[in-house]
Amino acid sequence: MSRSDPKIKIGNYCTISDDVVLGDNVTIYGFANLYGCHIGKDSRIGTFVEIQKDVTIGDRVRIQSHSFLCSGTLLEDDVFIGHNVTFINDRYPTAPNAAEKKWNLEETKVRRGASLGSGAVILCGIEIGEGAIVGAGSVVNKNVPPHTIVAGVPAKIIRPLSPEEQWNGGRRKNE
């Protein structure tokens, strides 16, 4: 898809490399940096977001401002990423390892319909389950089961979502 396509909206001062693949109806707000990634249709990328190479973002994903998605991150369809969410892809980063290109990338997967609150930090090598909710400011250092709310530092299970709360942002239908 061409960046000049009228179905794609790109804000001012964005840096988008030629190897980025954009689906139809993608909106990218100002000051975003994207390179080597794939963005699915109907997704929105907020201001000051960086998305590195080898990141795959599904359809209808929302990424709020100031978030950082590093190489090896997968977001499936209908995922919500709050403001200033940070993903990590190396368990033991050091300057010498980075300089010598000896670091070890560990992939992170966020499954369909999951929601990550503002300021969350997602460590490498984990999976956040389908429809899970991560509380704001949490540090997620292990897998999150599907349809579960986690929060805290480190993130701990608060409770599973009831069937009526699932796919409703954790709200009961009458709230």
N, C-alpha and C. Protein backbone atom coordinates (compact mmCIF):
# COMPACT_ATOMS: atom_id res chain seq x y z
N MET A 1 0.85 -1.17 0.00
CA MET A 1 0.00 0.00 0.00
C MET A 1 0.89 1.23 0.00
N SER A 2 0.63 2.14 -0.85
CA SER A 2 1.42 3.36 -0.98
C SER A 2 1.05 4.36 0.11
N ARG A 3 2.06 5.07 0.63
CA ARG A 3 1.80 6.08 1.64
C ARG A 3 1.03 7.27 1.08
N SER A 4 0.94 7.38 -0.25
CA SER A 4 0.16 8.46 -0.86
C SER A 4 -1.30 8.04 -1.08
N ASP A 5 -1.64 6.82 -0.72
CA ASP A 5 -3.00 6.31 -0.86
C ASP A 5 -3.94 7.13 0.02
N PRO A 6 -5.06 7.59 -0.51
CA PRO A 6 -5.98 8.41 0.30
C PRO A 6 -6.61 7.64 1.47
N LYS A 7 -6.52 6.31 1.47
CA LYS A 7 -7.07 5.52 2.57
C LYS A 7 -6.12 5.47 3.76
N ILE A 8 -4.92 6.02 3.59
CA ILE A 8 -3.93 6.05 4.67
C ILE A 8 -3.69 7.50 5.05
N LYS A 9 -3.78 7.78 6.36
CA LYS A 9 -3.58 9.14 6.85
C LYS A 9 -2.31 9.17 7.69
N ILE A 10 -1.38 10.06 7.31
CA ILE A 10 -0.11 10.18 8.02
C ILE A 10 0.06 11.62 8.46
N GLY A 11 0.27 11.80 9.77
CA GLY A 11 0.44 13.14 10.33
C GLY A 11 1.79 13.74 10.00
N ASN A 12 1.99 14.95 10.47
CA ASN A 12 3.23 15.68 10.22
C ASN A 12 4.41 15.08 10.97
N TYR A 13 5.57 15.21 10.36
CA TYR A 13 6.86 14.87 10.98
C TYR A 13 6.99 13.40 11.35
N CYS A 14 6.38 12.52 10.60
CA CYS A 14 6.54 11.08 10.80
C CYS A 14 7.74 10.59 10.00
N THR A 15 8.43 9.58 10.52
CA THR A 15 9.47 8.90 9.78
C THR A 15 8.99 7.48 9.55
N ILE A 16 8.75 7.16 8.28
CA ILE A 16 8.24 5.84 7.93
C ILE A 16 9.13 5.29 6.82
N SER A 17 9.85 4.23 7.12
CA SER A 17 10.79 3.69 6.13
C SER A 17 10.04 2.97 5.02
N ASP A 18 10.74 2.77 3.91
CA ASP A 18 10.14 2.15 2.72
C ASP A 18 9.72 0.70 2.94
N ASP A 19 10.26 0.04 3.95
CA ASP A 19 9.92 -1.37 4.18
C ASP A 19 8.72 -1.58 5.11
N VAL A 20 8.02 -0.50 5.46
CA VAL A 20 6.81 -0.61 6.29
C VAL A 20 5.63 -0.99 5.40
N VAL A 21 4.83 -1.95 5.86
CA VAL A 21 3.63 -2.37 5.14
C VAL A 21 2.42 -1.85 5.91
N LEU A 22 1.58 -1.08 5.21
CA LEU A 22 0.40 -0.49 5.83
C LEU A 22 -0.87 -1.03 5.19
N GLY A 23 -1.81 -1.48 6.01
CA GLY A 23 -3.10 -1.92 5.50
C GLY A 23 -4.00 -0.73 5.18
N ASP A 24 -5.16 -0.99 4.63
CA ASP A 24 -6.12 0.07 4.30
C ASP A 24 -6.60 0.77 5.57
N ASN A 25 -6.90 2.04 5.41
CA ASN A 25 -7.52 2.86 6.47
C ASN A 25 -6.67 2.97 7.73
N VAL A 26 -5.35 2.93 7.59
CA VAL A 26 -4.45 3.14 8.72
C VAL A 26 -4.30 4.65 8.94
N THR A 27 -4.30 5.05 10.21
CA THR A 27 -4.03 6.44 10.57
C THR A 27 -2.80 6.47 11.47
N ILE A 28 -1.84 7.31 11.11
CA ILE A 28 -0.62 7.48 11.90
C ILE A 28 -0.53 8.96 12.25
N TYR A 29 -0.55 9.27 13.52
CA TYR A 29 -0.51 10.66 13.96
C TYR A 29 0.94 11.15 14.00
N GLY A 30 1.13 12.44 14.17
CA GLY A 30 2.42 13.10 14.02
C GLY A 30 3.53 12.54 14.90
N PHE A 31 4.74 12.72 14.40
CA PHE A 31 5.98 12.42 15.11
C PHE A 31 6.20 10.94 15.38
N ALA A 32 5.53 10.07 14.66
CA ALA A 32 5.73 8.63 14.83
C ALA A 32 6.93 8.17 14.02
N ASN A 33 7.61 7.12 14.49
CA ASN A 33 8.73 6.50 13.78
C ASN A 33 8.40 5.04 13.56
N LEU A 34 8.37 4.63 12.29
CA LEU A 34 8.05 3.24 11.95
C LEU A 34 9.09 2.74 10.96
N TYR A 35 9.61 1.55 11.21
CA TYR A 35 10.51 0.94 10.23
C TYR A 35 10.42 -0.58 10.31
N GLY A 36 10.36 -1.21 9.13
CA GLY A 36 10.39 -2.65 9.01
C GLY A 36 9.23 -3.39 9.66
N CYS A 37 8.10 -2.73 9.83
CA CYS A 37 6.97 -3.34 10.52
C CYS A 37 5.78 -3.52 9.59
N HIS A 38 4.78 -4.23 10.08
CA HIS A 38 3.54 -4.46 9.34
C HIS A 38 2.38 -3.97 10.20
N ILE A 39 1.57 -3.06 9.66
CA ILE A 39 0.43 -2.49 10.38
C ILE A 39 -0.84 -2.93 9.65
N GLY A 40 -1.74 -3.61 10.34
CA GLY A 40 -2.97 -4.12 9.74
C GLY A 40 -4.00 -3.02 9.49
N LYS A 41 -5.01 -3.36 8.72
CA LYS A 41 -6.04 -2.40 8.30
C LYS A 41 -6.81 -1.84 9.49
N ASP A 42 -7.28 -0.62 9.31
CA ASP A 42 -8.12 0.08 10.28
C ASP A 42 -7.43 0.31 11.63
N SER A 43 -6.11 0.29 11.66
CA SER A 43 -5.37 0.52 12.91
C SER A 43 -5.00 2.00 13.03
N ARG A 44 -4.78 2.44 14.27
CA ARG A 44 -4.41 3.83 14.55
C ARG A 44 -3.17 3.84 15.43
N ILE A 45 -2.20 4.65 15.02
CA ILE A 45 -0.93 4.77 15.72
C ILE A 45 -0.82 6.21 16.23
N GLY A 46 -0.68 6.38 17.53
CA GLY A 46 -0.66 7.71 18.15
C GLY A 46 0.63 8.47 17.93
N THR A 47 0.64 9.71 18.42
CA THR A 47 1.82 10.57 18.30
C THR A 47 2.97 10.04 19.14
N PHE A 48 4.17 10.31 18.68
CA PHE A 48 5.41 9.95 19.38
C PHE A 48 5.52 8.45 19.66
N VAL A 49 4.95 7.63 18.79
CA VAL A 49 5.07 6.17 18.92
C VAL A 49 6.23 5.72 18.06
N GLU A 50 7.01 4.76 18.58
CA GLU A 50 8.05 4.12 17.77
C GLU A 50 7.72 2.65 17.64
N ILE A 51 7.76 2.18 16.37
CA ILE A 51 7.53 0.77 16.08
C ILE A 51 8.72 0.28 15.26
N GLN A 52 9.48 -0.67 15.82
CA GLN A 52 10.71 -1.13 15.19
C GLN A 52 10.45 -2.24 14.18
N LYS A 53 11.53 -2.64 13.52
CA LYS A 53 11.44 -3.71 12.52
C LYS A 53 11.01 -5.02 13.17
N ASP A 54 10.41 -5.87 12.35
CA ASP A 54 9.95 -7.18 12.79
C ASP A 54 8.86 -7.11 13.85
N VAL A 55 8.06 -6.05 13.80
CA VAL A 55 6.85 -5.95 14.63
C VAL A 55 5.66 -6.17 13.71
N THR A 56 4.71 -6.98 14.16
CA THR A 56 3.50 -7.22 13.40
C THR A 56 2.31 -6.76 14.22
N ILE A 57 1.50 -5.90 13.62
CA ILE A 57 0.32 -5.35 14.27
C ILE A 57 -0.89 -5.76 13.45
N GLY A 58 -1.87 -6.34 14.11
CA GLY A 58 -3.06 -6.84 13.43
C GLY A 58 -4.02 -5.73 13.02
N ASP A 59 -5.21 -6.14 12.66
CA ASP A 59 -6.26 -5.21 12.22
C ASP A 59 -6.96 -4.57 13.43
N ARG A 60 -7.40 -3.33 13.25
CA ARG A 60 -8.20 -2.60 14.23
C ARG A 60 -7.49 -2.42 15.58
N VAL A 61 -6.18 -2.30 15.54
CA VAL A 61 -5.38 -2.10 16.75
C VAL A 61 -5.30 -0.60 17.04
N ARG A 62 -5.33 -0.23 18.30
CA ARG A 62 -5.17 1.16 18.73
C ARG A 62 -3.95 1.26 19.61
N ILE A 63 -3.00 2.11 19.21
CA ILE A 63 -1.79 2.35 20.00
C ILE A 63 -1.76 3.83 20.35
N GLN A 64 -1.82 4.13 21.64
CA GLN A 64 -1.87 5.51 22.10
C GLN A 64 -0.46 6.12 22.12
N SER A 65 -0.39 7.42 22.36
CA SER A 65 0.85 8.18 22.24
C SER A 65 1.96 7.68 23.16
N HIS A 66 3.18 7.95 22.73
CA HIS A 66 4.41 7.73 23.48
C HIS A 66 4.71 6.25 23.78
N SER A 67 4.13 5.34 23.06
CA SER A 67 4.40 3.92 23.28
C SER A 67 5.57 3.47 22.43
N PHE A 68 6.24 2.39 22.88
CA PHE A 68 7.42 1.86 22.21
C PHE A 68 7.24 0.37 21.99
N LEU A 69 7.27 -0.05 20.73
CA LEU A 69 7.15 -1.46 20.37
C LEU A 69 8.45 -1.89 19.71
N CYS A 70 9.20 -2.73 20.40
CA CYS A 70 10.51 -3.16 19.89
C CYS A 70 10.39 -4.39 19.01
N SER A 71 11.45 -4.68 18.30
CA SER A 71 11.51 -5.85 17.42
C SER A 71 11.07 -7.09 18.16
N GLY A 72 10.32 -7.95 17.44
CA GLY A 72 9.87 -9.20 18.02
C GLY A 72 8.53 -9.12 18.72
N THR A 73 7.81 -8.01 18.56
CA THR A 73 6.50 -7.85 19.20
C THR A 73 5.41 -8.19 18.19
N LEU A 74 4.43 -8.96 18.65
CA LEU A 74 3.26 -9.29 17.84
C LEU A 74 2.01 -8.84 18.58
N LEU A 75 1.20 -8.00 17.93
CA LEU A 75 -0.11 -7.62 18.45
C LEU A 75 -1.15 -8.19 17.49
N GLU A 76 -2.01 -9.05 17.99
CA GLU A 76 -3.07 -9.60 17.14
C GLU A 76 -4.18 -8.56 16.97
N ASP A 77 -5.23 -8.93 16.28
CA ASP A 77 -6.34 -8.02 15.98
C ASP A 77 -7.01 -7.49 17.25
N ASP A 78 -7.53 -6.26 17.14
CA ASP A 78 -8.38 -5.64 18.16
C ASP A 78 -7.69 -5.42 19.51
N VAL A 79 -6.37 -5.26 19.50
CA VAL A 79 -5.62 -4.98 20.73
C VAL A 79 -5.64 -3.48 20.99
N PHE A 80 -5.69 -3.12 22.28
CA PHE A 80 -5.59 -1.71 22.69
C PHE A 80 -4.33 -1.55 23.52
N ILE A 81 -3.49 -0.56 23.15
CA ILE A 81 -2.27 -0.23 23.86
C ILE A 81 -2.42 1.20 24.39
N GLY A 82 -2.41 1.36 25.71
CA GLY A 82 -2.56 2.68 26.32
C GLY A 82 -1.33 3.56 26.10
N HIS A 83 -1.38 4.76 26.65
CA HIS A 83 -0.28 5.72 26.52
C HIS A 83 0.98 5.21 27.22
N ASN A 84 2.12 5.44 26.59
CA ASN A 84 3.43 5.19 27.20
C ASN A 84 3.64 3.73 27.63
N VAL A 85 3.14 2.80 26.85
CA VAL A 85 3.40 1.37 27.09
C VAL A 85 4.73 1.02 26.43
N THR A 86 5.57 0.28 27.16
CA THR A 86 6.89 -0.07 26.68
C THR A 86 7.06 -1.58 26.64
N PHE A 87 7.55 -2.06 25.50
CA PHE A 87 7.87 -3.48 25.33
C PHE A 87 9.38 -3.64 25.39
N ILE A 88 9.84 -4.74 25.97
CA ILE A 88 11.26 -5.06 26.10
C ILE A 88 11.51 -6.35 25.32
N ASN A 89 12.65 -6.46 24.63
CA ASN A 89 12.90 -7.69 23.86
C ASN A 89 14.21 -8.41 24.20
N ASP A 90 14.95 -7.94 25.18
CA ASP A 90 16.21 -8.57 25.57
C ASP A 90 16.23 -8.70 27.09
N ARG A 91 16.34 -9.92 27.58
CA ARG A 91 16.29 -10.17 29.02
C ARG A 91 17.51 -9.62 29.77
N TYR A 92 18.67 -9.61 29.12
CA TYR A 92 19.91 -9.18 29.78
C TYR A 92 20.64 -8.15 28.92
N PRO A 93 20.09 -6.96 28.76
CA PRO A 93 20.75 -5.98 27.88
C PRO A 93 21.99 -5.37 28.53
N THR A 94 23.03 -5.25 27.73
CA THR A 94 24.24 -4.54 28.15
C THR A 94 24.76 -3.75 26.96
N ALA A 95 25.49 -2.69 27.23
CA ALA A 95 26.08 -1.90 26.15
C ALA A 95 27.08 -2.72 25.34
N PRO A 96 27.97 -3.52 25.99
CA PRO A 96 28.91 -4.32 25.18
C PRO A 96 28.19 -5.33 24.28
N ASN A 97 27.15 -5.99 24.80
CA ASN A 97 26.41 -6.94 23.96
C ASN A 97 25.76 -6.24 22.77
N ALA A 98 25.20 -5.07 23.01
CA ALA A 98 24.57 -4.31 21.92
C ALA A 98 25.62 -3.92 20.88
N ALA A 99 26.77 -3.43 21.34
CA ALA A 99 27.83 -3.01 20.42
C ALA A 99 28.36 -4.17 19.59
N GLU A 100 28.41 -5.35 20.20
CA GLU A 100 28.92 -6.53 19.50
C GLU A 100 27.81 -7.33 18.83
N LYS A 101 26.59 -6.81 18.88
CA LYS A 101 25.41 -7.48 18.29
C LYS A 101 25.26 -8.91 18.81
N LYS A 102 25.45 -9.08 20.11
CA LYS A 102 25.34 -10.38 20.75
C LYS A 102 24.07 -10.50 21.61
N TRP A 103 23.18 -9.57 21.47
CA TRP A 103 21.99 -9.62 22.31
C TRP A 103 21.02 -10.68 21.80
N ASN A 104 20.14 -11.13 22.67
CA ASN A 104 19.23 -12.23 22.37
C ASN A 104 17.78 -11.72 22.34
N LEU A 105 17.20 -11.63 21.16
CA LEU A 105 15.82 -11.18 21.01
C LEU A 105 14.86 -12.27 21.49
N GLU A 106 13.94 -11.89 22.37
CA GLU A 106 12.89 -12.79 22.83
C GLU A 106 11.55 -12.17 22.44
N GLU A 107 10.76 -12.90 21.67
CA GLU A 107 9.49 -12.38 21.17
C GLU A 107 8.44 -12.25 22.26
N THR A 108 7.54 -11.30 22.06
CA THR A 108 6.40 -11.09 22.95
C THR A 108 5.14 -11.09 22.11
N LYS A 109 4.10 -11.76 22.60
CA LYS A 109 2.84 -11.86 21.86
C LYS A 109 1.70 -11.32 22.71
N VAL A 110 0.89 -10.47 22.09
CA VAL A 110 -0.33 -9.96 22.72
C VAL A 110 -1.48 -10.46 21.88
N ARG A 111 -2.28 -11.32 22.45
CA ARG A 111 -3.34 -12.00 21.71
C ARG A 111 -4.58 -11.11 21.53
N ARG A 112 -5.43 -11.54 20.63
CA ARG A 112 -6.61 -10.81 20.17
C ARG A 112 -7.42 -10.22 21.33
N GLY A 113 -7.74 -8.94 21.17
CA GLY A 113 -8.65 -8.27 22.09
C GLY A 113 -8.08 -7.90 23.44
N ALA A 114 -6.78 -8.10 23.66
CA ALA A 114 -6.18 -7.73 24.94
C ALA A 114 -6.09 -6.21 25.05
N SER A 115 -6.03 -5.71 26.28
CA SER A 115 -5.96 -4.28 26.54
C SER A 115 -4.88 -4.01 27.57
N LEU A 116 -3.92 -3.13 27.22
CA LEU A 116 -2.80 -2.81 28.11
C LEU A 116 -2.92 -1.38 28.57
N GLY A 117 -2.99 -1.17 29.88
CA GLY A 117 -3.16 0.16 30.45
C GLY A 117 -1.93 1.03 30.31
N SER A 118 -2.14 2.33 30.42
CA SER A 118 -1.07 3.31 30.28
C SER A 118 0.09 3.03 31.24
N GLY A 119 1.29 3.22 30.72
CA GLY A 119 2.48 3.08 31.54
C GLY A 119 2.91 1.66 31.83
N ALA A 120 2.24 0.68 31.27
CA ALA A 120 2.64 -0.72 31.50
C ALA A 120 3.98 -1.00 30.83
N VAL A 121 4.75 -1.87 31.45
CA VAL A 121 6.01 -2.34 30.88
C VAL A 121 5.85 -3.84 30.67
N ILE A 122 6.10 -4.28 29.43
CA ILE A 122 5.91 -5.67 29.06
C ILE A 122 7.28 -6.29 28.80
N LEU A 123 7.72 -7.17 29.68
CA LEU A 123 9.02 -7.79 29.52
C LEU A 123 8.99 -8.83 28.41
N CYS A 124 10.16 -9.28 28.00
CA CYS A 124 10.28 -10.13 26.81
C CYS A 124 9.92 -11.59 27.09
N GLY A 125 9.60 -12.27 25.99
CA GLY A 125 9.40 -13.71 26.04
C GLY A 125 8.09 -14.15 26.65
N ILE A 126 7.12 -13.25 26.71
CA ILE A 126 5.85 -13.62 27.34
C ILE A 126 4.70 -13.54 26.35
N GLU A 127 3.55 -14.06 26.78
CA GLU A 127 2.32 -13.99 26.00
C GLU A 127 1.22 -13.43 26.88
N ILE A 128 0.54 -12.43 26.37
CA ILE A 128 -0.63 -11.88 27.05
C ILE A 128 -1.84 -12.46 26.33
N GLY A 129 -2.66 -13.20 27.08
CA GLY A 129 -3.74 -13.99 26.50
C GLY A 129 -4.87 -13.17 25.89
N GLU A 130 -5.65 -13.85 25.08
CA GLU A 130 -6.80 -13.27 24.40
C GLU A 130 -7.72 -12.60 25.42
N GLY A 131 -8.09 -11.34 25.13
CA GLY A 131 -9.05 -10.63 25.96
C GLY A 131 -8.57 -10.25 27.34
N ALA A 132 -7.28 -10.43 27.64
CA ALA A 132 -6.75 -10.08 28.96
C ALA A 132 -6.67 -8.56 29.12
N ILE A 133 -6.67 -8.11 30.37
CA ILE A 133 -6.55 -6.70 30.69
C ILE A 133 -5.36 -6.53 31.63
N VAL A 134 -4.43 -5.62 31.25
CA VAL A 134 -3.26 -5.31 32.06
C VAL A 134 -3.48 -3.91 32.64
N GLY A 135 -3.44 -3.80 33.98
CA GLY A 135 -3.66 -2.52 34.64
C GLY A 135 -2.57 -1.51 34.35
N ALA A 136 -2.94 -0.24 34.44
CA ALA A 136 -2.00 0.86 34.21
C ALA A 136 -0.82 0.75 35.17
N GLY A 137 0.37 1.01 34.67
CA GLY A 137 1.58 1.01 35.49
C GLY A 137 2.12 -0.35 35.85
N SER A 138 1.53 -1.40 35.36
CA SER A 138 1.97 -2.76 35.70
C SER A 138 3.28 -3.10 35.02
N VAL A 139 4.03 -4.00 35.63
CA VAL A 139 5.21 -4.59 35.01
C VAL A 139 4.89 -6.07 34.82
N VAL A 140 4.72 -6.47 33.56
CA VAL A 140 4.32 -7.84 33.24
C VAL A 140 5.58 -8.65 32.97
N ASN A 141 5.85 -9.63 33.85
CA ASN A 141 7.08 -10.42 33.72
C ASN A 141 6.81 -11.90 33.49
N LYS A 142 5.54 -12.28 33.35
CA LYS A 142 5.22 -13.67 33.02
C LYS A 142 3.92 -13.70 32.23
N ASN A 143 3.61 -14.84 31.66
CA ASN A 143 2.42 -14.98 30.82
C ASN A 143 1.16 -14.58 31.57
N VAL A 144 0.22 -14.00 30.82
CA VAL A 144 -1.08 -13.60 31.36
C VAL A 144 -2.13 -14.51 30.73
N PRO A 145 -2.92 -15.22 31.55
CA PRO A 145 -3.94 -16.10 30.98
C PRO A 145 -5.00 -15.32 30.21
N PRO A 146 -5.68 -15.97 29.27
CA PRO A 146 -6.77 -15.30 28.55
C PRO A 146 -7.87 -14.83 29.51
N HIS A 147 -8.51 -13.72 29.16
CA HIS A 147 -9.69 -13.21 29.88
C HIS A 147 -9.44 -13.07 31.38
N THR A 148 -8.28 -12.47 31.70
CA THR A 148 -7.87 -12.28 33.09
C THR A 148 -7.42 -10.84 33.26
N ILE A 149 -7.68 -10.26 34.44
CA ILE A 149 -7.15 -8.94 34.78
C ILE A 149 -5.91 -9.14 35.64
N VAL A 150 -4.81 -8.47 35.24
CA VAL A 150 -3.59 -8.46 36.05
C VAL A 150 -3.21 -7.01 36.32
N ALA A 151 -2.53 -6.78 37.45
CA ALA A 151 -2.06 -5.44 37.77
C ALA A 151 -0.96 -5.54 38.82
N GLY A 152 -0.15 -4.50 38.90
CA GLY A 152 0.87 -4.40 39.94
C GLY A 152 2.27 -4.53 39.41
N VAL A 153 3.21 -4.44 40.38
CA VAL A 153 4.64 -4.53 40.08
C VAL A 153 5.24 -5.55 41.04
N PRO A 154 5.52 -6.76 40.57
CA PRO A 154 5.18 -7.30 39.25
C PRO A 154 3.68 -7.57 39.16
N ALA A 155 3.20 -7.68 37.92
CA ALA A 155 1.77 -7.91 37.70
C ALA A 155 1.36 -9.25 38.27
N LYS A 156 0.23 -9.23 38.98
CA LYS A 156 -0.34 -10.45 39.54
C LYS A 156 -1.80 -10.54 39.10
N ILE A 157 -2.31 -11.76 39.08
CA ILE A 157 -3.70 -11.95 38.69
C ILE A 157 -4.61 -11.31 39.74
N ILE A 158 -5.49 -10.43 39.28
CA ILE A 158 -6.50 -9.82 40.14
C ILE A 158 -7.73 -10.71 40.17
N ARG A 159 -8.17 -11.09 38.96
CA ARG A 159 -9.31 -12.00 38.86
C ARG A 159 -9.56 -12.35 37.40
N PRO A 160 -10.23 -13.48 37.16
CA PRO A 160 -10.66 -13.77 35.79
C PRO A 160 -11.86 -12.91 35.44
N LEU A 161 -12.05 -12.66 34.17
CA LEU A 161 -13.24 -11.95 33.70
C LEU A 161 -14.40 -12.93 33.57
N SER A 162 -15.55 -12.52 34.03
CA SER A 162 -16.73 -13.37 33.87
C SER A 162 -17.12 -13.37 32.39
N PRO A 163 -17.91 -14.35 31.96
CA PRO A 163 -18.33 -14.37 30.56
C PRO A 163 -19.01 -13.08 30.11
N GLU A 164 -19.78 -12.43 30.99
CA GLU A 164 -20.43 -11.18 30.58
C GLU A 164 -19.47 -10.00 30.49
N GLU A 165 -18.32 -10.08 31.17
CA GLU A 165 -17.31 -9.02 31.11
C GLU A 165 -16.36 -9.17 29.93
N GLN A 166 -16.22 -10.39 29.43
CA GLN A 166 -15.31 -10.63 28.33
C GLN A 166 -15.74 -9.86 27.10
N TRP A 167 -14.77 -9.27 26.41
CA TRP A 167 -14.98 -8.47 25.19
C TRP A 167 -15.76 -7.20 25.48
N ASN A 168 -15.85 -6.83 26.76
CA ASN A 168 -16.56 -5.60 27.13
C ASN A 168 -15.65 -4.73 28.01
N GLY A 169 -14.35 -4.89 27.86
CA GLY A 169 -13.40 -4.07 28.60
C GLY A 169 -13.43 -4.32 30.10
N GLY A 170 -13.91 -5.49 30.51
CA GLY A 170 -13.98 -5.80 31.94
C GLY A 170 -15.21 -5.27 32.62
N ARG A 171 -16.08 -4.61 31.87
CA ARG A 171 -17.33 -4.08 32.44
C ARG A 171 -18.45 -5.09 32.29
N ARG A 172 -19.29 -5.11 33.29
CA ARG A 172 -20.51 -5.88 33.16
C ARG A 172 -21.44 -5.11 32.22
N LYS A 173 -22.30 -5.77 31.55
CA LYS A 173 -23.13 -5.13 30.52
C LYS A 173 -24.01 -4.00 31.06
N ASN A 174 -24.34 -4.01 32.35
CA ASN A 174 -25.21 -2.97 32.93
C ASN A 174 -24.43 -1.79 33.48
N GLU A 175 -23.11 -1.83 33.46
CA GLU A 175 -22.32 -0.72 34.01
C GLU A 175 -22.17 0.40 33.02
